[in-house]
Amino acid sequence: MTHPPAPSGPIHLVVDLNRCQAYAQCCFLAPNVFKLHGEEALWYDPAPDAAQCEHVLRAAAACPVQATFVEWSEAATRKIAEAPHEES
């Protein structure tokens, strides 16, 4: 089974700072987007450059407490929904 490609275009990033436990996996995988200040204060860019998309997706997937959420613009989401998918 192949997965559809990630949408292209602007992304919006949200981190639930109440859920975040500062494991910093995101900082290792997307250092241009996530930075840990001190031992527990996470800084992140809520609208990272599209060139960072793959890094951001990997960082979100690696979060042990699933505190990172990635959203695409409505147009990009609609484009993916309309794309043909291979069936297994």
PDB file of N, CA and C in Angstrom:
ATOM      1  N   MET A   1       0.848  -1.177   0.000  1.00  0.00           N
ATOM      2  CA  MET A   1       0.000   0.000   0.000  1.00  0.00           C
ATOM      3  C   MET A   1       0.888   1.233   0.000  1.00  0.00           C
ATOM      4  N   THR A   2       0.618   2.156  -0.879  1.00  0.00           N
ATOM      5  CA  THR A   2       1.375   3.395  -0.898  1.00  0.00           C
ATOM      6  C   THR A   2       0.540   4.489  -0.245  1.00  0.00           C
ATOM      7  N   HIS A   3       1.222   5.350   0.449  1.00  0.00           N
ATOM      8  CA  HIS A   3       0.544   6.464   1.102  1.00  0.00           C
ATOM      9  C   HIS A   3       0.552   7.658   0.170  1.00  0.00           C
ATOM     10  N   PRO A   4      -0.481   8.474   0.195  1.00  0.00           N
ATOM     11  CA  PRO A   4      -0.485   9.666  -0.646  1.00  0.00           C
ATOM     12  C   PRO A   4       0.609  10.618  -0.173  1.00  0.00           C
ATOM     13  N   PRO A   5       1.156  11.419  -1.086  1.00  0.00           N
ATOM     14  CA  PRO A   5       2.192  12.359  -0.683  1.00  0.00           C
ATOM     15  C   PRO A   5       1.620  13.421   0.248  1.00  0.00           C
ATOM     16  N   ALA A   6       2.497  14.001   1.043  1.00  0.00           N
ATOM     17  CA  ALA A   6       2.073  15.087   1.928  1.00  0.00           C
ATOM     18  C   ALA A   6       1.652  16.271   1.064  1.00  0.00           C
ATOM     19  N   PRO A   7       0.644  16.993   1.476  1.00  0.00           N
ATOM     20  CA  PRO A   7       0.219  18.149   0.702  1.00  0.00           C
ATOM     21  C   PRO A   7       1.334  19.167   0.599  1.00  0.00           C
ATOM     22  N   SER A   8       1.365  19.875  -0.505  1.00  0.00           N
ATOM     23  CA  SER A   8       2.327  20.963  -0.614  1.00  0.00           C
ATOM     24  C   SER A   8       1.586  22.250  -0.284  1.00  0.00           C
ATOM     25  N   GLY A   9       2.321  23.258   0.067  1.00  0.00           N
ATOM     26  CA  GLY A   9       1.709  24.528   0.404  1.00  0.00           C
ATOM     27  C   GLY A   9       1.921  24.854   1.854  1.00  0.00           C
ATOM     28  N   PRO A  10       1.333  25.941   2.292  1.00  0.00           N
ATOM     29  CA  PRO A  10       1.562  26.410   3.660  1.00  0.00           C
ATOM     30  C   PRO A  10       1.064  25.414   4.711  1.00  0.00           C
ATOM     31  N   ILE A  11       1.853  25.267   5.761  1.00  0.00           N
ATOM     32  CA  ILE A  11       1.446  24.415   6.872  1.00  0.00           C
ATOM     33  C   ILE A  11       1.347  25.257   8.125  1.00  0.00           C
ATOM     34  N   HIS A  12       0.537  24.790   9.031  1.00  0.00           N
ATOM     35  CA  HIS A  12       0.368  25.447  10.330  1.00  0.00           C
ATOM     36  C   HIS A  12       0.678  24.407  11.393  1.00  0.00           C
ATOM     37  N   LEU A  13       1.507  24.786  12.325  1.00  0.00           N
ATOM     38  CA  LEU A  13       1.979  23.874  13.350  1.00  0.00           C
ATOM     39  C   LEU A  13       1.452  24.312  14.712  1.00  0.00           C
ATOM     40  N   VAL A  14       0.953  23.355  15.476  1.00  0.00           N
ATOM     41  CA  VAL A  14       0.464  23.620  16.828  1.00  0.00           C
ATOM     42  C   VAL A  14       1.073  22.579  17.764  1.00  0.00           C
ATOM     43  N   VAL A  15       1.621  23.032  18.870  1.00  0.00           N
ATOM     44  CA  VAL A  15       2.130  22.123  19.893  1.00  0.00           C
ATOM     45  C   VAL A  15       1.309  22.350  21.155  1.00  0.00           C
ATOM     46  N   ASP A  16       0.744  21.280  21.681  1.00  0.00           N
ATOM     47  CA  ASP A  16       0.007  21.346  22.937  1.00  0.00           C
ATOM     48  C   ASP A  16       1.044  21.409  24.058  1.00  0.00           C
ATOM     49  N   LEU A  17       1.322  22.592  24.537  1.00  0.00           N
ATOM     50  CA  LEU A  17       2.372  22.783  25.541  1.00  0.00           C
ATOM     51  C   LEU A  17       1.997  22.201  26.900  1.00  0.00           C
ATOM     52  N   ASN A  18       0.725  21.926  27.124  1.00  0.00           N
ATOM     53  CA  ASN A  18       0.320  21.238  28.352  1.00  0.00           C
ATOM     54  C   ASN A  18       0.648  19.754  28.282  1.00  0.00           C
ATOM     55  N   ARG A  19       0.636  19.204  27.084  1.00  0.00           N
ATOM     56  CA  ARG A  19       0.943  17.795  26.875  1.00  0.00           C
ATOM     57  C   ARG A  19       2.449  17.555  26.717  1.00  0.00           C
ATOM     58  N   CYS A  20       3.140  18.516  26.128  1.00  0.00           N
ATOM     59  CA  CYS A  20       4.579  18.398  25.849  1.00  0.00           C
ATOM     60  C   CYS A  20       5.351  18.130  27.148  1.00  0.00           C
ATOM     61  N   GLN A  21       6.239  17.136  27.093  1.00  0.00           N
ATOM     62  CA  GLN A  21       7.057  16.777  28.259  1.00  0.00           C
ATOM     63  C   GLN A  21       8.538  17.080  28.033  1.00  0.00           C
ATOM     64  N   ALA A  22       8.863  17.835  26.999  1.00  0.00           N
ATOM     65  CA  ALA A  22      10.228  18.275  26.680  1.00  0.00           C
ATOM     66  C   ALA A  22      11.183  17.114  26.417  1.00  0.00           C
ATOM     67  N   TYR A  23      10.698  16.072  25.750  1.00  0.00           N
ATOM     68  CA  TYR A  23      11.596  14.993  25.330  1.00  0.00           C
ATOM     69  C   TYR A  23      12.529  15.474  24.219  1.00  0.00           C
ATOM     70  N   ALA A  24      12.148  16.521  23.522  1.00  0.00           N
ATOM     71  CA  ALA A  24      12.957  17.216  22.512  1.00  0.00           C
ATOM     72  C   ALA A  24      13.234  16.404  21.251  1.00  0.00           C
ATOM     73  N   GLN A  25      12.464  15.377  20.977  1.00  0.00           N
ATOM     74  CA  GLN A  25      12.655  14.645  19.724  1.00  0.00           C
ATOM     75  C   GLN A  25      12.428  15.570  18.530  1.00  0.00           C
ATOM     76  N   CYS A  26      11.491  16.474  18.651  1.00  0.00           N
ATOM     77  CA  CYS A  26      11.211  17.426  17.580  1.00  0.00           C
ATOM     78  C   CYS A  26      12.414  18.327  17.315  1.00  0.00           C
ATOM     79  N   CYS A  27      13.129  18.701  18.362  1.00  0.00           N
ATOM     80  CA  CYS A  27      14.291  19.584  18.222  1.00  0.00           C
ATOM     81  C   CYS A  27      15.407  18.904  17.435  1.00  0.00           C
ATOM     82  N   PHE A  28      15.537  17.606  17.592  1.00  0.00           N
ATOM     83  CA  PHE A  28      16.558  16.866  16.857  1.00  0.00           C
ATOM     84  C   PHE A  28      16.173  16.677  15.396  1.00  0.00           C
ATOM     85  N   LEU A  29      14.887  16.468  15.142  1.00  0.00           N
ATOM     86  CA  LEU A  29      14.424  16.163  13.792  1.00  0.00           C
ATOM     87  C   LEU A  29      14.118  17.395  12.945  1.00  0.00           C
ATOM     88  N   ALA A  30      13.787  18.504  13.580  1.00  0.00           N
ATOM     89  CA  ALA A  30      13.495  19.744  12.849  1.00  0.00           C
ATOM     90  C   ALA A  30      14.080  20.933  13.629  1.00  0.00           C
ATOM     91  N   PRO A  31      15.412  21.016  13.691  1.00  0.00           N
ATOM     92  CA  PRO A  31      16.042  22.049  14.516  1.00  0.00           C
ATOM     93  C   PRO A  31      15.803  23.485  14.052  1.00  0.00           C
ATOM     94  N   ASN A  32      15.404  23.666  12.805  1.00  0.00           N
ATOM     95  CA  ASN A  32      15.099  25.019  12.331  1.00  0.00           C
ATOM     96  C   ASN A  32      13.693  25.461  12.719  1.00  0.00           C
ATOM     97  N   VAL A  33      12.899  24.529  13.235  1.00  0.00           N
ATOM     98  CA  VAL A  33      11.504  24.822  13.586  1.00  0.00           C
ATOM     99  C   VAL A  33      11.284  24.768  15.097  1.00  0.00           C
ATOM    100  N   PHE A  34      11.940  23.836  15.773  1.00  0.00           N
ATOM    101  CA  PHE A  34      11.766  23.640  17.209  1.00  0.00           C
ATOM    102  C   PHE A  34      13.065  23.929  17.950  1.00  0.00           C
ATOM    103  N   LYS A  35      12.961  24.625  19.075  1.00  0.00           N
ATOM    104  CA  LYS A  35      14.126  24.881  19.919  1.00  0.00           C
ATOM    105  C   LYS A  35      13.702  24.759  21.376  1.00  0.00           C
ATOM    106  N   LEU A  36      14.531  24.097  22.149  1.00  0.00           N
ATOM    107  CA  LEU A  36      14.271  23.959  23.581  1.00  0.00           C
ATOM    108  C   LEU A  36      15.086  25.024  24.312  1.00  0.00           C
ATOM    109  N   HIS A  37      14.417  25.871  25.052  1.00  0.00           N
ATOM    110  CA  HIS A  37      15.065  26.915  25.842  1.00  0.00           C
ATOM    111  C   HIS A  37      15.008  26.487  27.297  1.00  0.00           C
ATOM    112  N   GLY A  38      16.173  26.339  27.886  1.00  0.00           N
ATOM    113  CA  GLY A  38      16.214  25.815  29.242  1.00  0.00           C
ATOM    114  C   GLY A  38      15.911  24.326  29.189  1.00  0.00           C
ATOM    115  N   GLU A  39      15.378  23.806  30.260  1.00  0.00           N
ATOM    116  CA  GLU A  39      15.098  22.370  30.303  1.00  0.00           C
ATOM    117  C   GLU A  39      13.691  22.009  29.858  1.00  0.00           C
ATOM    118  N   GLU A  40      12.774  22.969  29.875  1.00  0.00           N
ATOM    119  CA  GLU A  40      11.389  22.613  29.562  1.00  0.00           C
ATOM    120  C   GLU A  40      10.639  23.585  28.670  1.00  0.00           C
ATOM    121  N   ALA A  41      11.213  24.720  28.318  1.00  0.00           N
ATOM    122  CA  ALA A  41      10.499  25.716  27.525  1.00  0.00           C
ATOM    123  C   ALA A  41      10.733  25.472  26.035  1.00  0.00           C
ATOM    124  N   LEU A  42       9.691  25.083  25.322  1.00  0.00           N
ATOM    125  CA  LEU A  42       9.790  24.813  23.900  1.00  0.00           C
ATOM    126  C   LEU A  42       9.382  26.039  23.105  1.00  0.00           C
ATOM    127  N   TRP A  43      10.223  26.440  22.179  1.00  0.00           N
ATOM    128  CA  TRP A  43       9.884  27.467  21.200  1.00  0.00           C
ATOM    129  C   TRP A  43       9.698  26.765  19.868  1.00  0.00           C
ATOM    130  N   TYR A  44       8.693  27.179  19.094  1.00  0.00           N
ATOM    131  CA  TYR A  44       8.496  26.613  17.765  1.00  0.00           C
ATOM    132  C   TYR A  44       7.911  27.654  16.834  1.00  0.00           C
ATOM    133  N   ASP A  45       8.156  27.476  15.560  1.00  0.00           N
ATOM    134  CA  ASP A  45       7.633  28.352  14.525  1.00  0.00           C
ATOM    135  C   ASP A  45       6.273  27.798  14.097  1.00  0.00           C
ATOM    136  N   PRO A  46       5.179  28.503  14.347  1.00  0.00           N
ATOM    137  CA  PRO A  46       3.851  27.977  14.013  1.00  0.00           C
ATOM    138  C   PRO A  46       3.566  27.942  12.501  1.00  0.00           C
ATOM    139  N   ALA A  47       4.374  28.651  11.717  1.00  0.00           N
ATOM    140  CA  ALA A  47       4.188  28.665  10.258  1.00  0.00           C
ATOM    141  C   ALA A  47       5.537  28.445   9.581  1.00  0.00           C
ATOM    142  N   PRO A  48       6.086  27.222   9.699  1.00  0.00           N
ATOM    143  CA  PRO A  48       7.402  26.977   9.112  1.00  0.00           C
ATOM    144  C   PRO A  48       7.377  27.022   7.589  1.00  0.00           C
ATOM    145  N   ASP A  49       8.532  27.293   7.033  1.00  0.00           N
ATOM    146  CA  ASP A  49       8.703  27.316   5.589  1.00  0.00           C
ATOM    147  C   ASP A  49       8.341  25.955   4.999  1.00  0.00           C
ATOM    148  N   ALA A  50       7.783  25.946   3.813  1.00  0.00           N
ATOM    149  CA  ALA A  50       7.373  24.695   3.164  1.00  0.00           C
ATOM    150  C   ALA A  50       8.545  23.738   2.986  1.00  0.00           C
ATOM    151  N   ALA A  51       9.754  24.263   2.896  1.00  0.00           N
ATOM    152  CA  ALA A  51      10.938  23.413   2.754  1.00  0.00           C
ATOM    153  C   ALA A  51      11.168  22.550   4.000  1.00  0.00           C
ATOM    154  N   GLN A  52      10.572  22.926   5.111  1.00  0.00           N
ATOM    155  CA  GLN A  52      10.724  22.184   6.364  1.00  0.00           C
ATOM    156  C   GLN A  52       9.640  21.125   6.558  1.00  0.00           C
ATOM    157  N   CYS A  53       8.753  20.981   5.601  1.00  0.00           N
ATOM    158  CA  CYS A  53       7.587  20.107   5.742  1.00  0.00           C
ATOM    159  C   CYS A  53       7.956  18.683   6.156  1.00  0.00           C
ATOM    160  N   GLU A  54       8.879  18.051   5.452  1.00  0.00           N
ATOM    161  CA  GLU A  54       9.242  16.665   5.787  1.00  0.00           C
ATOM    162  C   GLU A  54       9.823  16.566   7.187  1.00  0.00           C
ATOM    163  N   HIS A  55      10.656  17.527   7.563  1.00  0.00           N
ATOM    164  CA  HIS A  55      11.246  17.525   8.905  1.00  0.00           C
ATOM    165  C   HIS A  55      10.156  17.677   9.970  1.00  0.00           C
ATOM    166  N   VAL A  56       9.207  18.561   9.707  1.00  0.00           N
ATOM    167  CA  VAL A  56       8.114  18.794  10.654  1.00  0.00           C
ATOM    168  C   VAL A  56       7.243  17.545  10.792  1.00  0.00           C
ATOM    169  N   LEU A  57       6.941  16.886   9.675  1.00  0.00           N
ATOM    170  CA  LEU A  57       6.125  15.676   9.739  1.00  0.00           C
ATOM    171  C   LEU A  57       6.829  14.573  10.525  1.00  0.00           C
ATOM    172  N   ARG A  58       8.126  14.421  10.313  1.00  0.00           N
ATOM    173  CA  ARG A  58       8.885  13.418  11.067  1.00  0.00           C
ATOM    174  C   ARG A  58       8.935  13.762  12.549  1.00  0.00           C
ATOM    175  N   ALA A  59       9.101  15.045  12.845  1.00  0.00           N
ATOM    176  CA  ALA A  59       9.132  15.479  14.241  1.00  0.00           C
ATOM    177  C   ALA A  59       7.797  15.218  14.927  1.00  0.00           C
ATOM    178  N   ALA A  60       6.702  15.521  14.246  1.00  0.00           N
ATOM    179  CA  ALA A  60       5.378  15.283  14.817  1.00  0.00           C
ATOM    180  C   ALA A  60       5.147  13.795  15.057  1.00  0.00           C
ATOM    181  N   ALA A  61       5.578  12.964  14.108  1.00  0.00           N
ATOM    182  CA  ALA A  61       5.400  11.517  14.251  1.00  0.00           C
ATOM    183  C   ALA A  61       6.254  10.953  15.380  1.00  0.00           C
ATOM    184  N   ALA A  62       7.392  11.574  15.649  1.00  0.00           N
ATOM    185  CA  ALA A  62       8.312  11.070  16.673  1.00  0.00           C
ATOM    186  C   ALA A  62       7.965  11.518  18.084  1.00  0.00           C
ATOM    187  N   CYS A  63       7.046  12.443  18.227  1.00  0.00           N
ATOM    188  CA  CYS A  63       6.711  12.948  19.563  1.00  0.00           C
ATOM    189  C   CYS A  63       6.124  11.825  20.421  1.00  0.00           C
ATOM    190  N   PRO A  64       6.796  11.479  21.533  1.00  0.00           N
ATOM    191  CA  PRO A  64       6.320  10.352  22.341  1.00  0.00           C
ATOM    192  C   PRO A  64       4.965  10.593  23.011  1.00  0.00           C
ATOM    193  N   VAL A  65       4.577  11.846  23.196  1.00  0.00           N
ATOM    194  CA  VAL A  65       3.287  12.137  23.823  1.00  0.00           C
ATOM    195  C   VAL A  65       2.284  12.718  22.825  1.00  0.00           C
ATOM    196  N   GLN A  66       2.651  12.719  21.540  1.00  0.00           N
ATOM    197  CA  GLN A  66       1.796  13.215  20.466  1.00  0.00           C
ATOM    198  C   GLN A  66       1.240  14.606  20.754  1.00  0.00           C
ATOM    199  N   ALA A  67       2.152  15.508  21.088  1.00  0.00           N
ATOM    200  CA  ALA A  67       1.759  16.879  21.401  1.00  0.00           C
ATOM    201  C   ALA A  67       1.817  17.804  20.186  1.00  0.00           C
ATOM    202  N   THR A  68       2.333  17.319  19.061  1.00  0.00           N
ATOM    203  CA  THR A  68       2.541  18.157  17.883  1.00  0.00           C
ATOM    204  C   THR A  68       1.503  17.836  16.812  1.00  0.00           C
ATOM    205  N   PHE A  69       0.866  18.882  16.305  1.00  0.00           N
ATOM    206  CA  PHE A  69      -0.174  18.733  15.286  1.00  0.00           C
ATOM    207  C   PHE A  69       0.177  19.583  14.075  1.00  0.00           C
ATOM    208  N   VAL A  70       0.039  19.017  12.887  1.00  0.00           N
ATOM    209  CA  VAL A  70       0.339  19.720  11.643  1.00  0.00           C
ATOM    210  C   VAL A  70      -0.944  19.848  10.847  1.00  0.00           C
ATOM    211  N   GLU A  71      -1.221  21.063  10.399  1.00  0.00           N
ATOM    212  CA  GLU A  71      -2.413  21.330   9.590  1.00  0.00           C
ATOM    213  C   GLU A  71      -1.973  21.987   8.293  1.00  0.00           C
ATOM    214  N   TRP A  72      -2.671  21.664   7.187  1.00  0.00           N
ATOM    215  CA  TRP A  72      -2.402  22.287   5.904  1.00  0.00           C
ATOM    216  C   TRP A  72      -3.530  23.235   5.561  1.00  0.00           C
ATOM    217  N   SER A  73      -3.252  24.100   4.593  1.00  0.00           N
ATOM    218  CA  SER A  73      -4.298  24.996   4.122  1.00  0.00           C
ATOM    219  C   SER A  73      -5.437  24.155   3.549  1.00  0.00           C
ATOM    220  N   GLU A  74      -6.610  24.713   3.493  1.00  0.00           N
ATOM    221  CA  GLU A  74      -7.776  23.985   2.984  1.00  0.00           C
ATOM    222  C   GLU A  74      -7.566  23.550   1.541  1.00  0.00           C
ATOM    223  N   ALA A  75      -6.930  24.381   0.716  1.00  0.00           N
ATOM    224  CA  ALA A  75      -6.706  24.045  -0.687  1.00  0.00           C
ATOM    225  C   ALA A  75      -5.791  22.833  -0.816  1.00  0.00           C
ATOM    226  N   ALA A  76      -4.736  22.766  -0.003  1.00  0.00           N
ATOM    227  CA  ALA A  76      -3.808  21.634  -0.059  1.00  0.00           C
ATOM    228  C   ALA A  76      -4.504  20.357   0.401  1.00  0.00           C
ATOM    229  N   THR A  77      -5.325  20.437   1.425  1.00  0.00           N
ATOM    230  CA  THR A  77      -6.048  19.275   1.929  1.00  0.00           C
ATOM    231  C   THR A  77      -7.037  18.768   0.886  1.00  0.00           C
ATOM    232  N   ARG A  78      -7.726  19.677   0.219  1.00  0.00           N
ATOM    233  CA  ARG A  78      -8.691  19.294  -0.813  1.00  0.00           C
ATOM    234  C   ARG A  78      -7.963  18.606  -1.974  1.00  0.00           C
ATOM    235  N   LYS A  79      -6.777  19.093  -2.346  1.00  0.00           N
ATOM    236  CA  LYS A  79      -6.002  18.504  -3.435  1.00  0.00           C
ATOM    237  C   LYS A  79      -5.647  17.049  -3.122  1.00  0.00           C
ATOM    238  N   ILE A  80      -5.240  16.761  -1.889  1.00  0.00           N
ATOM    239  CA  ILE A  80      -4.908  15.392  -1.480  1.00  0.00           C
ATOM    240  C   ILE A  80      -6.158  14.518  -1.496  1.00  0.00           C
ATOM    241  N   ALA A  81      -7.281  15.034  -1.027  1.00  0.00           N
ATOM    242  CA  ALA A  81      -8.519  14.261  -0.967  1.00  0.00           C
ATOM    243  C   ALA A  81      -8.992  13.864  -2.366  1.00  0.00           C
ATOM    244  N   GLU A  82      -8.704  14.708  -3.348  1.00  0.00           N
ATOM    245  CA  GLU A  82      -9.156  14.428  -4.700  1.00  0.00           C
ATOM    246  C   GLU A  82      -8.170  13.563  -5.483  1.00  0.00           C
ATOM    247  N   ALA A  83      -6.958  13.373  -4.988  1.00  0.00           N
ATOM    248  CA  ALA A  83      -5.950  12.588  -5.702  1.00  0.00           C
ATOM    249  C   ALA A  83      -6.330  11.115  -5.696  1.00  0.00           C
ATOM    250  N   PRO A  84      -6.048  10.406  -6.786  1.00  0.00           N
ATOM    251  CA  PRO A  84      -6.337   8.972  -6.812  1.00  0.00           C
ATOM    252  C   PRO A  84      -5.391   8.224  -5.873  1.00  0.00           C
ATOM    253  N   HIS A  85      -5.892   7.210  -5.202  1.00  0.00           N
ATOM    254  CA  HIS A  85      -5.092   6.415  -4.276  1.00  0.00           C
ATOM    255  C   HIS A  85      -5.051   4.981  -4.784  1.00  0.00           C
ATOM    256  N   GLU A  86      -3.899   4.335  -4.592  1.00  0.00           N
ATOM    257  CA  GLU A  86      -3.795   2.921  -4.965  1.00  0.00           C
ATOM    258  C   GLU A  86      -4.440   2.077  -3.888  1.00  0.00           C
ATOM    259  N   GLU A  87      -5.115   1.049  -4.298  1.00  0.00           N
ATOM    260  CA  GLU A  87      -5.745   0.149  -3.347  1.00  0.00           C
ATOM    261  C   GLU A  87      -4.856  -1.049  -3.146  1.00  0.00           C
ATOM    262  N   SER A  88      -4.853  -1.604  -1.936  1.00  0.00           N
ATOM    263  CA  SER A  88      -4.014  -2.778  -1.680  1.00  0.00           C
ATOM    264  C   SER A  88      -4.773  -4.053  -1.936  1.00  0.00           C
TER     265      SER A  88
END
